[in-house]
Amino acid sequence: MCVIVAKKKSFLLILNHIFKDNKQIILLMSEEKKTKRRDFIFTASYALGAVGVASAVWPLIDQMNPDASVKALASTEVDISGIDKGQSITVLWRGKPVFIKRRTQEEIQKARQVDLKELPDPEKDEDRAKNPEWLVMLGMCTHLGCVPLGNKGEYDGWFCPCHGSHYDTSGRIRKGPAPTNLEVPKYEFINKSTIKIG
């Protein structure tokens, strides 16, 4: 009888021990579930916050993009067939004036004979004009953005009446406060009578 009681006690101890371990396992599993649930809530909150910030910031970034009218003016084609030698025209591109001048042989020679050491912003005429006869450049003084007058100044090129900058027949600064030459935009000849600017 004693043996049976002892066996029952040991069996109960073993069962008690097993149940305690199971309780601990169950407790651990429930804590893991809570942790996983809590992690999901944090992750979902962060994701929702990121989406909210992005949706608030996007309109601010998007309004900095150019509108459709500016994109439409990204490039322009100009018919140059009616320009005689020595004449120039001014066209509007992206809201800025662009000078297109058909130079005479004398103007080309004068521009190419200049010693680059004399120039504040040294640049060869060959690098500024793809076709020596045609000079294409932005018509804005590089000092403060005034529009220079053509066939004026000490170098028979352009003269800015605002502060007295003188440009030669290649649009290079020769005298005055302007720091650099008149800018040459990106352009190409589509055919003999058409230039595409931009």
Protein backbone atom coordinates (compact mmCIF):
# COMPACT_ATOMS: atom_id res chain seq x y z
CA MET A 1 0.00 0.00 0.00
CA CYS A 2 2.87 2.27 0.85
CA VAL A 3 4.38 1.62 -2.52
CA ILE A 4 1.15 2.61 -4.27
CA VAL A 5 0.88 5.81 -2.21
CA ALA A 6 4.52 6.61 -2.93
CA LYS A 7 3.95 5.96 -6.60
CA LYS A 8 0.84 8.18 -6.54
CA LYS A 9 2.80 10.96 -4.83
CA SER A 10 5.64 10.72 -7.29
CA PHE A 11 3.16 10.58 -10.15
CA LEU A 12 1.39 13.68 -8.78
CA LEU A 13 4.71 15.45 -8.39
CA ILE A 14 5.59 14.64 -11.95
CA LEU A 15 2.18 15.83 -13.15
CA ASN A 16 2.47 18.97 -11.06
CA HIS A 17 5.91 19.59 -12.50
CA ILE A 18 4.61 19.04 -16.05
CA PHE A 19 1.67 21.40 -15.50
CA LYS A 20 3.96 24.07 -14.02
CA ASP A 21 6.18 23.83 -17.09
CA ASN A 22 3.12 23.98 -19.33
CA LYS A 23 1.83 27.03 -17.47
CA GLN A 24 5.18 28.69 -17.96
CA ILE A 25 5.19 27.74 -21.64
CA ILE A 26 1.63 29.06 -22.01
CA LEU A 27 2.60 32.29 -20.22
CA LEU A 28 5.66 32.70 -22.45
CA MET A 29 3.60 32.10 -25.57
CA SER A 30 0.98 34.64 -24.53
CA GLU A 31 3.73 37.21 -23.82
CA GLU A 32 5.18 36.52 -27.26
CA LYS A 33 1.75 37.06 -28.79
CA LYS A 34 1.39 40.34 -26.89
CA THR A 35 4.82 41.42 -28.01
CA LYS A 36 4.04 40.54 -31.61
CA ARG A 37 0.71 42.33 -31.40
CA ARG A 38 2.39 45.39 -29.86
CA ASP A 39 5.08 45.32 -32.58
CA PHE A 40 2.40 45.20 -35.25
CA ILE A 41 0.62 48.20 -33.70
CA PHE A 42 3.89 50.20 -33.61
CA THR A 43 4.75 49.25 -37.18
CA ALA A 44 1.28 50.13 -38.42
CA SER A 45 1.42 53.47 -36.56
CA TYR A 46 4.79 54.34 -38.08
CA ALA A 47 3.64 53.37 -41.57
CA LEU A 48 0.47 55.41 -41.22
CA GLY A 49 2.51 58.39 -39.94
CA ALA A 50 4.94 58.11 -42.87
CA VAL A 51 2.06 58.04 -45.36
CA GLY A 52 0.54 61.09 -43.65
CA VAL A 53 3.81 63.05 -43.78
CA ALA A 54 4.38 62.09 -47.42
CA SER A 55 0.86 63.14 -48.41
CA ALA A 56 1.35 66.48 -46.64
CA VAL A 57 4.80 67.15 -48.16
CA TRP A 58 4.05 66.03 -51.75
CA PRO A 59 1.94 69.07 -52.72
CA LEU A 60 4.77 71.35 -51.57
CA ILE A 61 7.30 69.49 -53.71
CA ASP A 62 4.97 69.13 -56.69
CA GLN A 63 4.22 72.86 -56.85
CA MET A 64 7.94 73.47 -57.58
CA ASN A 65 7.70 71.60 -60.90
CA PRO A 66 7.26 73.75 -63.99
CA ASP A 67 3.70 74.07 -65.25
CA ALA A 68 2.52 72.93 -68.67
CA SER A 69 3.07 76.30 -70.34
CA VAL A 70 6.75 76.32 -69.34
CA LYS A 71 7.23 72.72 -70.48
CA ALA A 72 5.70 73.65 -73.83
CA LEU A 73 8.36 76.34 -74.23
CA ALA A 74 11.20 73.93 -73.43
CA SER A 75 12.32 74.22 -77.04
CA THR A 76 11.44 76.47 -79.92
CA GLU A 77 12.14 76.36 -83.66
CA VAL A 78 13.11 79.56 -85.45
CA ASP A 79 12.98 80.19 -89.21
CA ILE A 80 16.20 82.00 -90.14
CA SER A 81 15.74 82.02 -93.92
CA GLY A 82 14.76 85.71 -94.01
CA ILE A 83 17.79 87.07 -92.12
CA ASP A 84 20.37 88.85 -94.29
CA LYS A 85 24.09 89.03 -93.47
CA GLY A 86 24.77 91.57 -90.76
CA GLN A 87 21.20 91.41 -89.43
CA SER A 88 20.00 89.94 -86.16
CA ILE A 89 16.64 88.99 -84.68
CA THR A 90 15.44 88.52 -81.13
CA VAL A 91 13.14 85.63 -80.25
CA LEU A 92 11.60 84.67 -76.94
CA TRP A 93 12.55 81.33 -75.38
CA ARG A 94 11.50 80.36 -71.84
CA GLY A 95 10.61 83.97 -71.19
CA LYS A 96 14.12 85.17 -72.10
CA PRO A 97 15.29 87.01 -75.21
CA VAL A 98 17.61 85.09 -77.55
CA PHE A 99 19.76 86.95 -80.08
CA ILE A 100 20.29 85.21 -83.44
CA LYS A 101 22.77 87.08 -85.60
CA ARG A 102 23.90 86.27 -89.12
CA ARG A 103 27.44 87.59 -89.06
CA THR A 104 29.38 89.03 -91.96
CA GLN A 105 32.80 87.63 -92.87
CA GLU A 106 34.36 90.78 -91.41
CA GLU A 107 32.61 90.21 -88.03
CA ILE A 108 33.73 86.58 -87.97
CA GLN A 109 37.36 87.55 -88.70
CA LYS A 110 37.27 90.29 -86.07
CA ALA A 111 35.97 87.81 -83.47
CA ARG A 112 38.60 85.19 -84.33
CA GLN A 113 41.55 87.59 -84.31
CA VAL A 114 41.07 88.55 -80.65
CA ASP A 115 43.87 87.48 -78.31
CA LEU A 116 42.29 85.30 -75.60
CA LYS A 117 44.62 86.84 -73.00
CA GLU A 118 42.78 90.16 -73.42
CA LEU A 119 39.42 88.63 -72.48
CA PRO A 120 38.05 88.67 -68.90
CA ASP A 121 36.22 85.40 -69.71
CA PRO A 122 38.42 83.68 -72.34
CA GLU A 123 36.45 81.67 -74.87
CA LYS A 124 37.19 80.95 -78.53
CA ASP A 125 34.72 82.15 -81.15
CA GLU A 126 34.75 78.64 -82.64
CA ASP A 127 33.43 77.26 -79.31
CA ARG A 128 30.60 79.81 -79.18
CA ALA A 129 29.28 79.47 -82.76
CA LYS A 130 28.57 76.01 -84.23
CA ASN A 131 28.31 77.60 -87.66
CA PRO A 132 30.62 80.66 -87.90
CA GLU A 133 27.98 82.62 -89.83
CA TRP A 134 25.34 82.21 -87.11
CA LEU A 135 25.69 83.37 -83.50
CA VAL A 136 22.97 82.29 -81.05
CA MET A 137 23.04 83.55 -77.45
CA LEU A 138 20.82 84.68 -74.60
CA GLY A 139 20.15 88.40 -74.80
CA MET A 140 20.66 89.08 -71.11
CA CYS A 141 23.65 90.92 -69.67
CA THR A 142 25.49 88.67 -67.24
CA HIS A 143 25.84 91.54 -64.78
CA LEU A 144 22.22 92.17 -63.73
CA GLY A 145 20.12 90.76 -66.57
CA CYS A 146 19.45 93.87 -68.68
CA VAL A 147 18.97 93.43 -72.44
CA PRO A 148 22.01 94.72 -74.39
CA LEU A 149 21.66 96.76 -77.59
CA GLY A 150 22.99 95.23 -80.82
CA ASN A 151 25.65 96.80 -83.10
CA LYS A 152 26.64 99.20 -80.32
CA GLY A 153 29.56 99.72 -78.00
CA GLU A 154 33.29 99.99 -78.44
CA TYR A 155 33.63 96.56 -80.04
CA ASP A 156 30.74 96.76 -82.54
CA GLY A 157 28.93 93.90 -80.80
CA TRP A 158 26.47 94.58 -77.97
CA PHE A 159 26.31 97.29 -75.35
CA CYS A 160 24.37 97.10 -72.09
CA PRO A 161 22.97 100.56 -71.32
CA CYS A 162 22.24 99.74 -67.66
CA HIS A 163 25.82 99.65 -66.36
CA GLY A 164 28.02 99.95 -69.45
CA SER A 165 29.14 96.42 -70.31
CA HIS A 166 30.63 96.07 -73.82
CA TYR A 167 30.50 92.77 -75.74
CA ASP A 168 32.32 91.97 -79.00
CA THR A 169 30.97 90.38 -82.21
CA SER A 170 31.12 86.98 -80.53
CA GLY A 171 29.17 88.09 -77.46
CA ARG A 172 32.24 87.97 -75.21
CA ILE A 173 32.63 90.54 -72.44
CA ARG A 174 35.36 93.03 -73.22
CA LYS A 175 34.73 95.94 -70.86
CA GLY A 176 32.42 96.78 -67.96
CA PRO A 177 31.07 95.11 -64.83
CA ALA A 178 29.65 91.95 -66.45
CA PRO A 179 31.65 88.96 -65.14
CA THR A 180 31.07 86.51 -68.02
CA ASN A 181 30.25 86.32 -71.73
CA LEU A 182 26.66 86.29 -72.99
CA GLU A 183 25.42 82.74 -72.48
CA VAL A 184 25.08 80.41 -75.46
CA PRO A 185 21.98 78.18 -75.01
CA LYS A 186 21.72 74.62 -76.28
CA TYR A 187 20.75 74.80 -79.94
CA GLU A 188 21.03 72.86 -83.19
CA PHE A 189 20.47 73.37 -86.89
CA ILE A 190 17.54 71.24 -88.06
CA ASN A 191 18.16 72.29 -91.65
CA LYS A 192 19.65 75.28 -93.48
CA SER A 193 16.73 77.53 -92.60
CA THR A 194 15.68 76.35 -89.11
CA ILE A 195 17.35 76.49 -85.71
CA LYS A 196 15.97 74.59 -82.72
CA ILE A 197 16.74 76.27 -79.39
CA GLY A 198 16.54 74.12 -76.26
